[in-house]
């Protein structure tokens, strides 16, 4: 009886493994291009691009770090994404067709891209940095807030907090 149970378990594991090879389940964070022709997604910590009509996905990032949460610029030429290349998650930008990624944020807290501004000159991102005592959320900083950083920045441009009015 134990032998039959062991063989049945082994057969089940092999079937599940074979099925997983045919239908990967780790594709996350899809983002469709502004013109609707291309889809970005995260798979096992890298960003991939594939035609919205189907086909073979192409890796845009290949590294030991974890990249995810891609967002498109409005003109479809750039993508921003989060990567932990330097420990915490920072916002990076790169050409939508692939190429070298540039780091835009340098804070010690995790930062995740949300969108590009309408003119594509800045990337909006969320983070839970510690607030000032005068802020409505002080002292926890537990709720993410929206910041902006230049997408064309050369080196270490400062991020700016998007002001929010807490009054009614």
C-alpha atoms as a PDB file:
ATOM      1  CA  UNK A   1       0.000   0.000   0.000  1.00  0.00           C
ATOM      2  CA  UNK A   2       2.822   2.401   0.900  1.00  0.00           C
ATOM      3  CA  UNK A   3       4.563   1.637  -2.384  1.00  0.00           C
ATOM      4  CA  UNK A   4       1.397   2.418  -4.386  1.00  0.00           C
ATOM      5  CA  UNK A   5       0.937   5.693  -2.491  1.00  0.00           C
ATOM      6  CA  UNK A   6       4.587   6.622  -3.120  1.00  0.00           C
ATOM      7  CA  UNK A   7       4.284   5.861  -6.850  1.00  0.00           C
ATOM      8  CA  UNK A   8       1.028   7.842  -7.110  1.00  0.00           C
ATOM      9  CA  UNK A   9       2.637  10.826  -5.367  1.00  0.00           C
ATOM     10  CA  UNK A  10       5.687  10.658  -7.641  1.00  0.00           C
ATOM     11  CA  UNK A  11       3.480  10.466 -10.758  1.00  0.00           C
ATOM     12  CA  UNK A  12       1.452  13.474  -9.573  1.00  0.00           C
ATOM     13  CA  UNK A  13       4.587  15.539  -8.957  1.00  0.00           C
ATOM     14  CA  UNK A  14       5.976  14.699 -12.406  1.00  0.00           C
ATOM     15  CA  UNK A  15       2.684  15.596 -14.111  1.00  0.00           C
ATOM     16  CA  UNK A  16       2.474  18.911 -12.254  1.00  0.00           C
ATOM     17  CA  UNK A  17       6.094  19.710 -13.135  1.00  0.00           C
ATOM     18  CA  UNK A  18       5.506  18.910 -16.826  1.00  0.00           C
ATOM     19  CA  UNK A  19       2.352  21.057 -16.841  1.00  0.00           C
ATOM     20  CA  UNK A  20       4.229  23.956 -15.224  1.00  0.00           C
ATOM     21  CA  UNK A  21       6.783  23.841 -18.050  1.00  0.00           C
ATOM     22  CA  UNK A  22       3.965  24.196 -20.599  1.00  0.00           C
ATOM     23  CA  UNK A  23       2.070  26.937 -18.728  1.00  0.00           C
ATOM     24  CA  UNK A  24       4.341  29.182 -16.619  1.00  0.00           C
ATOM     25  CA  UNK A  25       2.460  30.650 -13.670  1.00  0.00           C
ATOM     26  CA  UNK A  26       4.947  33.261 -12.510  1.00  0.00           C
ATOM     27  CA  UNK A  27       4.096  35.967 -15.048  1.00  0.00           C
ATOM     28  CA  UNK A  28       3.141  39.058 -13.079  1.00  0.00           C
ATOM     29  CA  UNK A  29       2.609  42.825 -13.386  1.00  0.00           C
ATOM     30  CA  UNK A  30       1.448  43.091 -17.016  1.00  0.00           C
ATOM     31  CA  UNK A  31       1.580  46.492 -18.706  1.00  0.00           C
ATOM     32  CA  UNK A  32       0.245  47.062 -22.219  1.00  0.00           C
ATOM     33  CA  UNK A  33       1.913  49.664 -24.436  1.00  0.00           C
ATOM     34  CA  UNK A  34       0.080  52.918 -25.228  1.00  0.00           C
ATOM     35  CA  UNK A  35      -0.503  51.762 -28.824  1.00  0.00           C
ATOM     36  CA  UNK A  36      -1.692  48.319 -27.676  1.00  0.00           C
ATOM     37  CA  UNK A  37       0.888  46.318 -29.639  1.00  0.00           C
ATOM     38  CA  UNK A  38       3.247  45.165 -26.883  1.00  0.00           C
ATOM     39  CA  UNK A  39       2.871  43.739 -23.395  1.00  0.00           C
ATOM     40  CA  UNK A  40       5.511  43.959 -20.681  1.00  0.00           C
ATOM     41  CA  UNK A  41       5.470  41.555 -17.743  1.00  0.00           C
ATOM     42  CA  UNK A  42       7.670  40.254 -14.951  1.00  0.00           C
ATOM     43  CA  UNK A  43       8.736  36.637 -14.934  1.00  0.00           C
ATOM     44  CA  UNK A  44      11.083  35.172 -12.330  1.00  0.00           C
ATOM     45  CA  UNK A  45      12.516  38.598 -11.509  1.00  0.00           C
ATOM     46  CA  UNK A  46      13.134  39.923 -15.016  1.00  0.00           C
ATOM     47  CA  UNK A  47      11.111  42.149 -17.371  1.00  0.00           C
ATOM     48  CA  UNK A  48       9.930  40.600 -20.658  1.00  0.00           C
ATOM     49  CA  UNK A  49       8.280  42.035 -23.755  1.00  0.00           C
ATOM     50  CA  UNK A  50       5.885  40.185 -26.062  1.00  0.00           C
ATOM     51  CA  UNK A  51       3.568  41.158 -28.915  1.00  0.00           C
ATOM     52  CA  UNK A  52      -0.051  41.539 -27.859  1.00  0.00           C
ATOM     53  CA  UNK A  53      -0.877  39.147 -30.720  1.00  0.00           C
ATOM     54  CA  UNK A  54       1.269  36.431 -29.103  1.00  0.00           C
ATOM     55  CA  UNK A  55       4.659  34.991 -29.889  1.00  0.00           C
ATOM     56  CA  UNK A  56       7.946  34.551 -28.126  1.00  0.00           C
ATOM     57  CA  UNK A  57       8.696  36.830 -25.191  1.00  0.00           C
ATOM     58  CA  UNK A  58      12.021  38.677 -25.208  1.00  0.00           C
ATOM     59  CA  UNK A  59      13.883  39.442 -21.983  1.00  0.00           C
ATOM     60  CA  UNK A  60      14.590  43.161 -21.543  1.00  0.00           C
ATOM     61  CA  UNK A  61      16.443  42.689 -18.256  1.00  0.00           C
ATOM     62  CA  UNK A  62      18.610  39.732 -17.339  1.00  0.00           C
ATOM     63  CA  UNK A  63      20.362  39.982 -14.000  1.00  0.00           C
ATOM     64  CA  UNK A  64      20.728  38.440 -10.573  1.00  0.00           C
ATOM     65  CA  UNK A  65      18.575  41.227  -9.151  1.00  0.00           C
ATOM     66  CA  UNK A  66      14.784  41.269  -9.055  1.00  0.00           C
ATOM     67  CA  UNK A  67      13.037  43.609 -11.512  1.00  0.00           C
ATOM     68  CA  UNK A  68       9.296  44.084 -11.684  1.00  0.00           C
ATOM     69  CA  UNK A  69       6.356  46.510 -11.948  1.00  0.00           C
ATOM     70  CA  UNK A  70       7.074  47.912 -15.433  1.00  0.00           C
ATOM     71  CA  UNK A  71       5.221  51.027 -16.611  1.00  0.00           C
ATOM     72  CA  UNK A  72       5.235  52.610 -20.076  1.00  0.00           C
ATOM     73  CA  UNK A  73       5.963  56.212 -20.983  1.00  0.00           C
ATOM     74  CA  UNK A  74       3.048  57.825 -22.836  1.00  0.00           C
ATOM     75  CA  UNK A  75       4.995  57.914 -26.110  1.00  0.00           C
ATOM     76  CA  UNK A  76       5.852  54.194 -25.749  1.00  0.00           C
ATOM     77  CA  UNK A  77       9.610  54.775 -26.057  1.00  0.00           C
ATOM     78  CA  UNK A  78      10.607  54.208 -22.408  1.00  0.00           C
ATOM     79  CA  UNK A  79       9.760  51.951 -19.516  1.00  0.00           C
ATOM     80  CA  UNK A  80      10.288  52.450 -15.811  1.00  0.00           C
ATOM     81  CA  UNK A  81      10.510  49.570 -13.357  1.00  0.00           C
ATOM     82  CA  UNK A  82      11.568  48.714  -9.807  1.00  0.00           C
ATOM     83  CA  UNK A  83      14.817  46.821  -9.200  1.00  0.00           C
ATOM     84  CA  UNK A  84      16.730  45.744  -6.110  1.00  0.00           C
ATOM     85  CA  UNK A  85      20.145  45.937  -7.822  1.00  0.00           C
ATOM     86  CA  UNK A  86      21.530  47.970  -4.930  1.00  0.00           C
ATOM     87  CA  UNK A  87      19.681  46.371  -2.005  1.00  0.00           C
ATOM     88  CA  UNK A  88      16.345  48.143  -1.725  1.00  0.00           C
ATOM     89  CA  UNK A  89      13.955  48.688  -4.647  1.00  0.00           C
ATOM     90  CA  UNK A  90      14.790  51.775  -6.690  1.00  0.00           C
ATOM     91  CA  UNK A  91      13.207  53.149  -9.857  1.00  0.00           C
ATOM     92  CA  UNK A  92      15.059  52.581 -13.134  1.00  0.00           C
ATOM     93  CA  UNK A  93      14.282  53.700 -16.685  1.00  0.00           C
ATOM     94  CA  UNK A  94      15.344  52.130 -19.984  1.00  0.00           C
ATOM     95  CA  UNK A  95      14.381  52.166 -23.683  1.00  0.00           C
ATOM     96  CA  UNK A  96      11.272  50.065 -24.350  1.00  0.00           C
ATOM     97  CA  UNK A  97      13.224  48.038 -26.909  1.00  0.00           C
ATOM     98  CA  UNK A  98      15.885  47.106 -24.342  1.00  0.00           C
ATOM     99  CA  UNK A  99      19.283  48.523 -23.514  1.00  0.00           C
ATOM    100  CA  UNK A 100      21.022  49.954 -20.520  1.00  0.00           C
ATOM    101  CA  UNK A 101      18.876  50.852 -17.528  1.00  0.00           C
ATOM    102  CA  UNK A 102      19.495  54.122 -15.657  1.00  0.00           C
ATOM    103  CA  UNK A 103      18.854  54.417 -11.942  1.00  0.00           C
ATOM    104  CA  UNK A 104      16.600  57.346 -11.041  1.00  0.00           C
ATOM    105  CA  UNK A 105      16.116  57.019  -7.274  1.00  0.00           C
ATOM    106  CA  UNK A 106      18.650  56.537  -4.498  1.00  0.00           C
ATOM    107  CA  UNK A 107      16.691  56.604  -1.233  1.00  0.00           C
ATOM    108  CA  UNK A 108      17.066  53.884   1.400  1.00  0.00           C
ATOM    109  CA  UNK A 109      13.338  53.087   1.296  1.00  0.00           C
ATOM    110  CA  UNK A 110      11.689  50.927  -1.392  1.00  0.00           C
ATOM    111  CA  UNK A 111      10.328  52.872  -4.369  1.00  0.00           C
ATOM    112  CA  UNK A 112       7.931  51.583  -7.037  1.00  0.00           C
ATOM    113  CA  UNK A 113       7.020  53.309 -10.325  1.00  0.00           C
ATOM    114  CA  UNK A 114       3.392  54.271 -10.859  1.00  0.00           C
ATOM    115  CA  UNK A 115       3.392  56.190 -14.145  1.00  0.00           C
ATOM    116  CA  UNK A 116       5.146  58.792 -16.240  1.00  0.00           C
ATOM    117  CA  UNK A 117       3.943  62.392 -16.178  1.00  0.00           C
ATOM    118  CA  UNK A 118       1.917  63.489 -19.222  1.00  0.00           C
ATOM    119  CA  UNK A 119       5.006  65.017 -20.890  1.00  0.00           C
ATOM    120  CA  UNK A 120       7.159  61.906 -20.082  1.00  0.00           C
ATOM    121  CA  UNK A 121       9.797  64.118 -18.438  1.00  0.00           C
ATOM    122  CA  UNK A 122       9.303  62.592 -14.974  1.00  0.00           C
ATOM    123  CA  UNK A 123       8.413  59.264 -13.422  1.00  0.00           C
ATOM    124  CA  UNK A 124       5.842  59.173 -10.645  1.00  0.00           C
ATOM    125  CA  UNK A 125       6.591  56.608  -7.959  1.00  0.00           C
ATOM    126  CA  UNK A 126       5.304  55.576  -4.561  1.00  0.00           C
ATOM    127  CA  UNK A 127       7.322  55.096  -1.398  1.00  0.00           C
ATOM    128  CA  UNK A 128       6.767  55.153   2.357  1.00  0.00           C
ATOM    129  CA  UNK A 129       9.489  57.553   3.448  1.00  0.00           C
ATOM    130  CA  UNK A 130       9.299  58.971   6.959  1.00  0.00           C
ATOM    131  CA  UNK A 131       7.152  62.080   6.984  1.00  0.00           C
ATOM    132  CA  UNK A 132       7.841  65.384   8.656  1.00  0.00           C
ATOM    133  CA  UNK A 133       6.099  66.121  11.941  1.00  0.00           C
ATOM    134  CA  UNK A 134       3.870  68.640  10.129  1.00  0.00           C
ATOM    135  CA  UNK A 135       2.521  66.011   7.715  1.00  0.00           C
ATOM    136  CA  UNK A 136      -0.909  64.451   8.300  1.00  0.00           C
ATOM    137  CA  UNK A 137       0.449  60.890   8.376  1.00  0.00           C
ATOM    138  CA  UNK A 138       3.216  61.490  10.914  1.00  0.00           C
ATOM    139  CA  UNK A 139       4.744  59.552  12.650  1.00  0.00           C
ATOM    140  CA  UNK A 140       4.186  56.193  10.963  1.00  0.00           C
ATOM    141  CA  UNK A 141       4.997  56.790   7.318  1.00  0.00           C
ATOM    142  CA  UNK A 142       3.157  53.504   6.757  1.00  0.00           C
ATOM    143  CA  UNK A 143       1.063  54.699   3.835  1.00  0.00           C
ATOM    144  CA  UNK A 144       2.890  55.141   0.538  1.00  0.00           C
ATOM    145  CA  UNK A 145       2.991  58.626  -0.898  1.00  0.00           C
ATOM    146  CA  UNK A 146       3.534  59.856  -4.431  1.00  0.00           C
ATOM    147  CA  UNK A 147       6.839  61.356  -5.548  1.00  0.00           C
ATOM    148  CA  UNK A 148       8.247  62.544  -8.869  1.00  0.00           C
ATOM    149  CA  UNK A 149      11.766  62.274 -10.310  1.00  0.00           C
ATOM    150  CA  UNK A 150      13.116  63.426 -13.662  1.00  0.00           C
ATOM    151  CA  UNK A 151      13.218  60.603 -16.212  1.00  0.00           C
ATOM    152  CA  UNK A 152      15.978  62.360 -18.142  1.00  0.00           C
ATOM    153  CA  UNK A 153      18.156  62.935 -15.106  1.00  0.00           C
ATOM    154  CA  UNK A 154      21.873  62.491 -15.501  1.00  0.00           C
ATOM    155  CA  UNK A 155      23.004  61.723 -11.984  1.00  0.00           C
ATOM    156  CA  UNK A 156      21.108  61.685  -8.708  1.00  0.00           C
ATOM    157  CA  UNK A 157      18.384  64.263  -9.251  1.00  0.00           C
ATOM    158  CA  UNK A 158      16.263  64.817  -6.198  1.00  0.00           C
ATOM    159  CA  UNK A 159      12.833  63.327  -6.002  1.00  0.00           C
ATOM    160  CA  UNK A 160      10.001  65.680  -5.123  1.00  0.00           C
ATOM    161  CA  UNK A 161       6.978  64.779  -3.052  1.00  0.00           C
ATOM    162  CA  UNK A 162       3.654  65.430  -4.777  1.00  0.00           C
ATOM    163  CA  UNK A 163       1.746  67.658  -2.361  1.00  0.00           C
ATOM    164  CA  UNK A 164      -1.564  66.379  -1.062  1.00  0.00           C
ATOM    165  CA  UNK A 165      -4.176  68.556   0.612  1.00  0.00           C
ATOM    166  CA  UNK A 166      -5.518  66.784   3.720  1.00  0.00           C
ATOM    167  CA  UNK A 167      -8.166  69.436   4.433  1.00  0.00           C
ATOM    168  CA  UNK A 168     -11.813  69.076   3.480  1.00  0.00           C
END
